[in-house]
Amino acid sequence: ACKAATDAGAAAAQRIGELVSVHVIPRPHGDLEEVFPISFKGDSNI
């Protein structure tokens, strides 16, 4: 699922401009959230 999502995002980015890089952090460090506020706060209706 993650690979498909990054591929779709990369394809969309290439259609509108230049794609520089695509990278997935498979097991991010526990302290990463102190730098990037990425926590999931429950159900979102996206």
PDB file of N, CA and C in Angstrom:
ATOM      1  N   ALA A   1       0.829  -1.191   0.000  1.00  0.00           N
ATOM      2  CA  ALA A   1       0.000   0.000   0.000  1.00  0.00           C
ATOM      3  C   ALA A   1       0.873   1.253   0.000  1.00  0.00           C
ATOM      4  N   CYS A   2       1.950   1.232   0.725  1.00  0.00           N
ATOM      5  CA  CYS A   2       2.823   2.404   0.800  1.00  0.00           C
ATOM      6  C   CYS A   2       3.518   2.640  -0.547  1.00  0.00           C
ATOM      7  N   LYS A   3       3.960   1.580  -1.178  1.00  0.00           N
ATOM      8  CA  LYS A   3       4.618   1.690  -2.484  1.00  0.00           C
ATOM      9  C   LYS A   3       3.655   2.248  -3.520  1.00  0.00           C
ATOM     10  N   ALA A   4       2.422   1.776  -3.513  1.00  0.00           N
ATOM     11  CA  ALA A   4       1.420   2.274  -4.461  1.00  0.00           C
ATOM     12  C   ALA A   4       1.139   3.754  -4.227  1.00  0.00           C
ATOM     13  N   ALA A   5       1.071   4.158  -2.969  1.00  0.00           N
ATOM     14  CA  ALA A   5       0.812   5.563  -2.648  1.00  0.00           C
ATOM     15  C   ALA A   5       1.965   6.459  -3.097  1.00  0.00           C
ATOM     16  N   THR A   6       3.199   6.028  -2.869  1.00  0.00           N
ATOM     17  CA  THR A   6       4.340   6.846  -3.287  1.00  0.00           C
ATOM     18  C   THR A   6       4.453   6.894  -4.808  1.00  0.00           C
ATOM     19  N   ASP A   7       4.142   5.790  -5.479  1.00  0.00           N
ATOM     20  CA  ASP A   7       4.148   5.780  -6.944  1.00  0.00           C
ATOM     21  C   ASP A   7       3.093   6.726  -7.502  1.00  0.00           C
ATOM     22  N   ALA A   8       1.900   6.721  -6.913  1.00  0.00           N
ATOM     23  CA  ALA A   8       0.829   7.608  -7.369  1.00  0.00           C
ATOM     24  C   ALA A   8       1.200   9.070  -7.127  1.00  0.00           C
ATOM     25  N   GLY A   9       1.761   9.353  -5.974  1.00  0.00           N
ATOM     26  CA  GLY A   9       2.191  10.719  -5.683  1.00  0.00           C
ATOM     27  C   GLY A   9       3.305  11.176  -6.607  1.00  0.00           C
ATOM     28  N   ALA A  10       4.234  10.293  -6.900  1.00  0.00           N
ATOM     29  CA  ALA A  10       5.337  10.623  -7.804  1.00  0.00           C
ATOM     30  C   ALA A  10       4.817  10.903  -9.212  1.00  0.00           C
ATOM     31  N   ALA A  11       3.881  10.092  -9.676  1.00  0.00           N
ATOM     32  CA  ALA A  11       3.308  10.298 -11.007  1.00  0.00           C
ATOM     33  C   ALA A  11       2.570  11.637 -11.074  1.00  0.00           C
ATOM     34  N   ALA A  12       1.822  11.965 -10.032  1.00  0.00           N
ATOM     35  CA  ALA A  12       1.099  13.237  -9.995  1.00  0.00           C
ATOM     36  C   ALA A  12       2.071  14.413  -9.976  1.00  0.00           C
ATOM     37  N   ALA A  13       3.136  14.302  -9.211  1.00  0.00           N
ATOM     38  CA  ALA A  13       4.129  15.376  -9.139  1.00  0.00           C
ATOM     39  C   ALA A  13       4.829  15.572 -10.474  1.00  0.00           C
ATOM     40  N   GLN A  14       5.117  14.497 -11.169  1.00  0.00           N
ATOM     41  CA  GLN A  14       5.789  14.597 -12.464  1.00  0.00           C
ATOM     42  C   GLN A  14       4.894  15.258 -13.505  1.00  0.00           C
ATOM     43  N   ARG A  15       3.575  15.071 -13.376  1.00  0.00           N
ATOM     44  CA  ARG A  15       2.653  15.695 -14.328  1.00  0.00           C
ATOM     45  C   ARG A  15       2.623  17.214 -14.183  1.00  0.00           C
ATOM     46  N   ILE A  16       2.850  17.718 -12.975  1.00  0.00           N
ATOM     47  CA  ILE A  16       2.749  19.168 -12.777  1.00  0.00           C
ATOM     48  C   ILE A  16       4.101  19.862 -12.640  1.00  0.00           C
ATOM     49  N   GLY A  17       5.163  19.105 -12.574  1.00  0.00           N
ATOM     50  CA  GLY A  17       6.484  19.724 -12.440  1.00  0.00           C
ATOM     51  C   GLY A  17       7.575  18.688 -12.371  1.00  0.00           C
ATOM     52  N   GLU A  18       8.693  19.091 -11.833  1.00  0.00           N
ATOM     53  CA  GLU A  18       9.852  18.210 -11.739  1.00  0.00           C
ATOM     54  C   GLU A  18       9.866  17.489 -10.398  1.00  0.00           C
ATOM     55  N   LEU A  19       9.953  16.174 -10.434  1.00  0.00           N
ATOM     56  CA  LEU A  19      10.052  15.366  -9.224  1.00  0.00           C
ATOM     57  C   LEU A  19      11.523  15.183  -8.885  1.00  0.00           C
ATOM     58  N   VAL A  20      11.888  15.544  -7.682  1.00  0.00           N
ATOM     59  CA  VAL A  20      13.286  15.463  -7.270  1.00  0.00           C
ATOM     60  C   VAL A  20      13.577  14.135  -6.601  1.00  0.00           C
ATOM     61  N   SER A  21      12.695  13.684  -5.689  1.00  0.00           N
ATOM     62  CA  SER A  21      12.981  12.473  -4.933  1.00  0.00           C
ATOM     63  C   SER A  21      11.715  11.901  -4.315  1.00  0.00           C
ATOM     64  N   VAL A  22      11.720  10.591  -4.139  1.00  0.00           N
ATOM     65  CA  VAL A  22      10.662   9.888  -3.411  1.00  0.00           C
ATOM     66  C   VAL A  22      11.362   8.972  -2.424  1.00  0.00           C
ATOM     67  N   HIS A  23      10.999   9.081  -1.151  1.00  0.00           N
ATOM     68  CA  HIS A  23      11.657   8.266  -0.134  1.00  0.00           C
ATOM     69  C   HIS A  23      10.672   7.932   0.973  1.00  0.00           C
ATOM     70  N   VAL A  24      10.689   6.693   1.415  1.00  0.00           N
ATOM     71  CA  VAL A  24       9.848   6.251   2.523  1.00  0.00           C
ATOM     72  C   VAL A  24      10.763   5.838   3.669  1.00  0.00           C
ATOM     73  N   ILE A  25      10.475   6.326   4.869  1.00  0.00           N
ATOM     74  CA  ILE A  25      11.219   5.906   6.053  1.00  0.00           C
ATOM     75  C   ILE A  25      10.472   4.708   6.624  1.00  0.00           C
ATOM     76  N   PRO A  26      10.984   3.476   6.452  1.00  0.00           N
ATOM     77  CA  PRO A  26      10.228   2.280   6.833  1.00  0.00           C
ATOM     78  C   PRO A  26       9.909   2.176   8.318  1.00  0.00           C
ATOM     79  N   ARG A  27      10.860   2.466   9.156  1.00  0.00           N
ATOM     80  CA  ARG A  27      10.637   2.418  10.610  1.00  0.00           C
ATOM     81  C   ARG A  27      11.249   3.671  11.212  1.00  0.00           C
ATOM     82  N   PRO A  28      10.486   4.780  11.200  1.00  0.00           N
ATOM     83  CA  PRO A  28      11.068   6.028  11.697  1.00  0.00           C
ATOM     84  C   PRO A  28      11.398   5.962  13.182  1.00  0.00           C
ATOM     85  N   HIS A  29      12.407   6.687  13.581  1.00  0.00           N
ATOM     86  CA  HIS A  29      12.830   6.754  14.979  1.00  0.00           C
ATOM     87  C   HIS A  29      11.713   7.355  15.823  1.00  0.00           C
ATOM     88  N   GLY A  30      11.582   6.931  17.041  1.00  0.00           N
ATOM     89  CA  GLY A  30      10.534   7.406  17.929  1.00  0.00           C
ATOM     90  C   GLY A  30      10.572   8.898  18.195  1.00  0.00           C
ATOM     91  N   ASP A  31      11.754   9.501  18.131  1.00  0.00           N
ATOM     92  CA  ASP A  31      11.884  10.936  18.380  1.00  0.00           C
ATOM     93  C   ASP A  31      11.615  11.791  17.143  1.00  0.00           C
ATOM     94  N   LEU A  32      11.295  11.167  16.027  1.00  0.00           N
ATOM     95  CA  LEU A  32      11.071  11.918  14.800  1.00  0.00           C
ATOM     96  C   LEU A  32       9.917  12.904  14.941  1.00  0.00           C
ATOM     97  N   GLU A  33       8.921  12.551  15.731  1.00  0.00           N
ATOM     98  CA  GLU A  33       7.755  13.416  15.884  1.00  0.00           C
ATOM     99  C   GLU A  33       8.088  14.725  16.596  1.00  0.00           C
ATOM    100  N   GLU A  34       9.180  14.771  17.330  1.00  0.00           N
ATOM    101  CA  GLU A  34       9.598  16.026  17.952  1.00  0.00           C
ATOM    102  C   GLU A  34      10.017  17.050  16.895  1.00  0.00           C
ATOM    103  N   VAL A  35      10.502  16.559  15.756  1.00  0.00           N
ATOM    104  CA  VAL A  35      10.928  17.436  14.676  1.00  0.00           C
ATOM    105  C   VAL A  35       9.789  17.670  13.685  1.00  0.00           C
ATOM    106  N   PHE A  36       9.071  16.599  13.339  1.00  0.00           N
ATOM    107  CA  PHE A  36       7.959  16.669  12.397  1.00  0.00           C
ATOM    108  C   PHE A  36       6.674  16.288  13.123  1.00  0.00           C
ATOM    109  N   PRO A  37       5.709  17.193  13.237  1.00  0.00           N
ATOM    110  CA  PRO A  37       4.447  16.850  13.908  1.00  0.00           C
ATOM    111  C   PRO A  37       3.581  15.962  13.010  1.00  0.00           C
ATOM    112  N   ILE A  38       3.774  14.640  13.107  1.00  0.00           N
ATOM    113  CA  ILE A  38       3.120  13.715  12.186  1.00  0.00           C
ATOM    114  C   ILE A  38       2.167  12.751  12.871  1.00  0.00           C
ATOM    115  N   SER A  39       1.806  13.000  14.106  1.00  0.00           N
ATOM    116  CA  SER A  39       0.985  12.031  14.827  1.00  0.00           C
ATOM    117  C   SER A  39      -0.426  11.962  14.252  1.00  0.00           C
ATOM    118  N   PHE A  40      -1.030  10.809  14.368  1.00  0.00           N
ATOM    119  CA  PHE A  40      -2.391  10.571  13.913  1.00  0.00           C
ATOM    120  C   PHE A  40      -3.314  10.754  15.102  1.00  0.00           C
ATOM    121  N   LYS A  41      -4.244  11.655  14.997  1.00  0.00           N
ATOM    122  CA  LYS A  41      -5.118  12.006  16.116  1.00  0.00           C
ATOM    123  C   LYS A  41      -6.526  11.422  15.963  1.00  0.00           C
ATOM    124  N   GLY A  42      -6.638  10.234  15.410  1.00  0.00           N
ATOM    125  CA  GLY A  42      -7.960   9.611  15.293  1.00  0.00           C
ATOM    126  C   GLY A  42      -8.468   9.630  13.870  1.00  0.00           C
ATOM    127  N   ASP A  43      -9.751   9.425  13.724  1.00  0.00           N
ATOM    128  CA  ASP A  43     -10.388   9.306  12.413  1.00  0.00           C
ATOM    129  C   ASP A  43     -10.491  10.666  11.738  1.00  0.00           C
ATOM    130  N   SER A  44     -10.011  10.741  10.523  1.00  0.00           N
ATOM    131  CA  SER A  44     -10.197  11.955   9.733  1.00  0.00           C
ATOM    132  C   SER A  44     -11.087  11.608   8.557  1.00  0.00           C
ATOM    133  N   ASN A  45     -11.923  12.484   8.182  1.00  0.00           N
ATOM    134  CA  ASN A  45     -12.873  12.247   7.088  1.00  0.00           C
ATOM    135  C   ASN A  45     -12.322  12.769   5.776  1.00  0.00           C
ATOM    136  N   ILE A  46     -11.131  12.338   5.442  1.00  0.00           N
ATOM    137  CA  ILE A  46     -10.484  12.779   4.203  1.00  0.00           C
ATOM    138  C   ILE A  46     -10.945  11.893   3.082  1.00  0.00           C
TER     139      ILE A  46
END
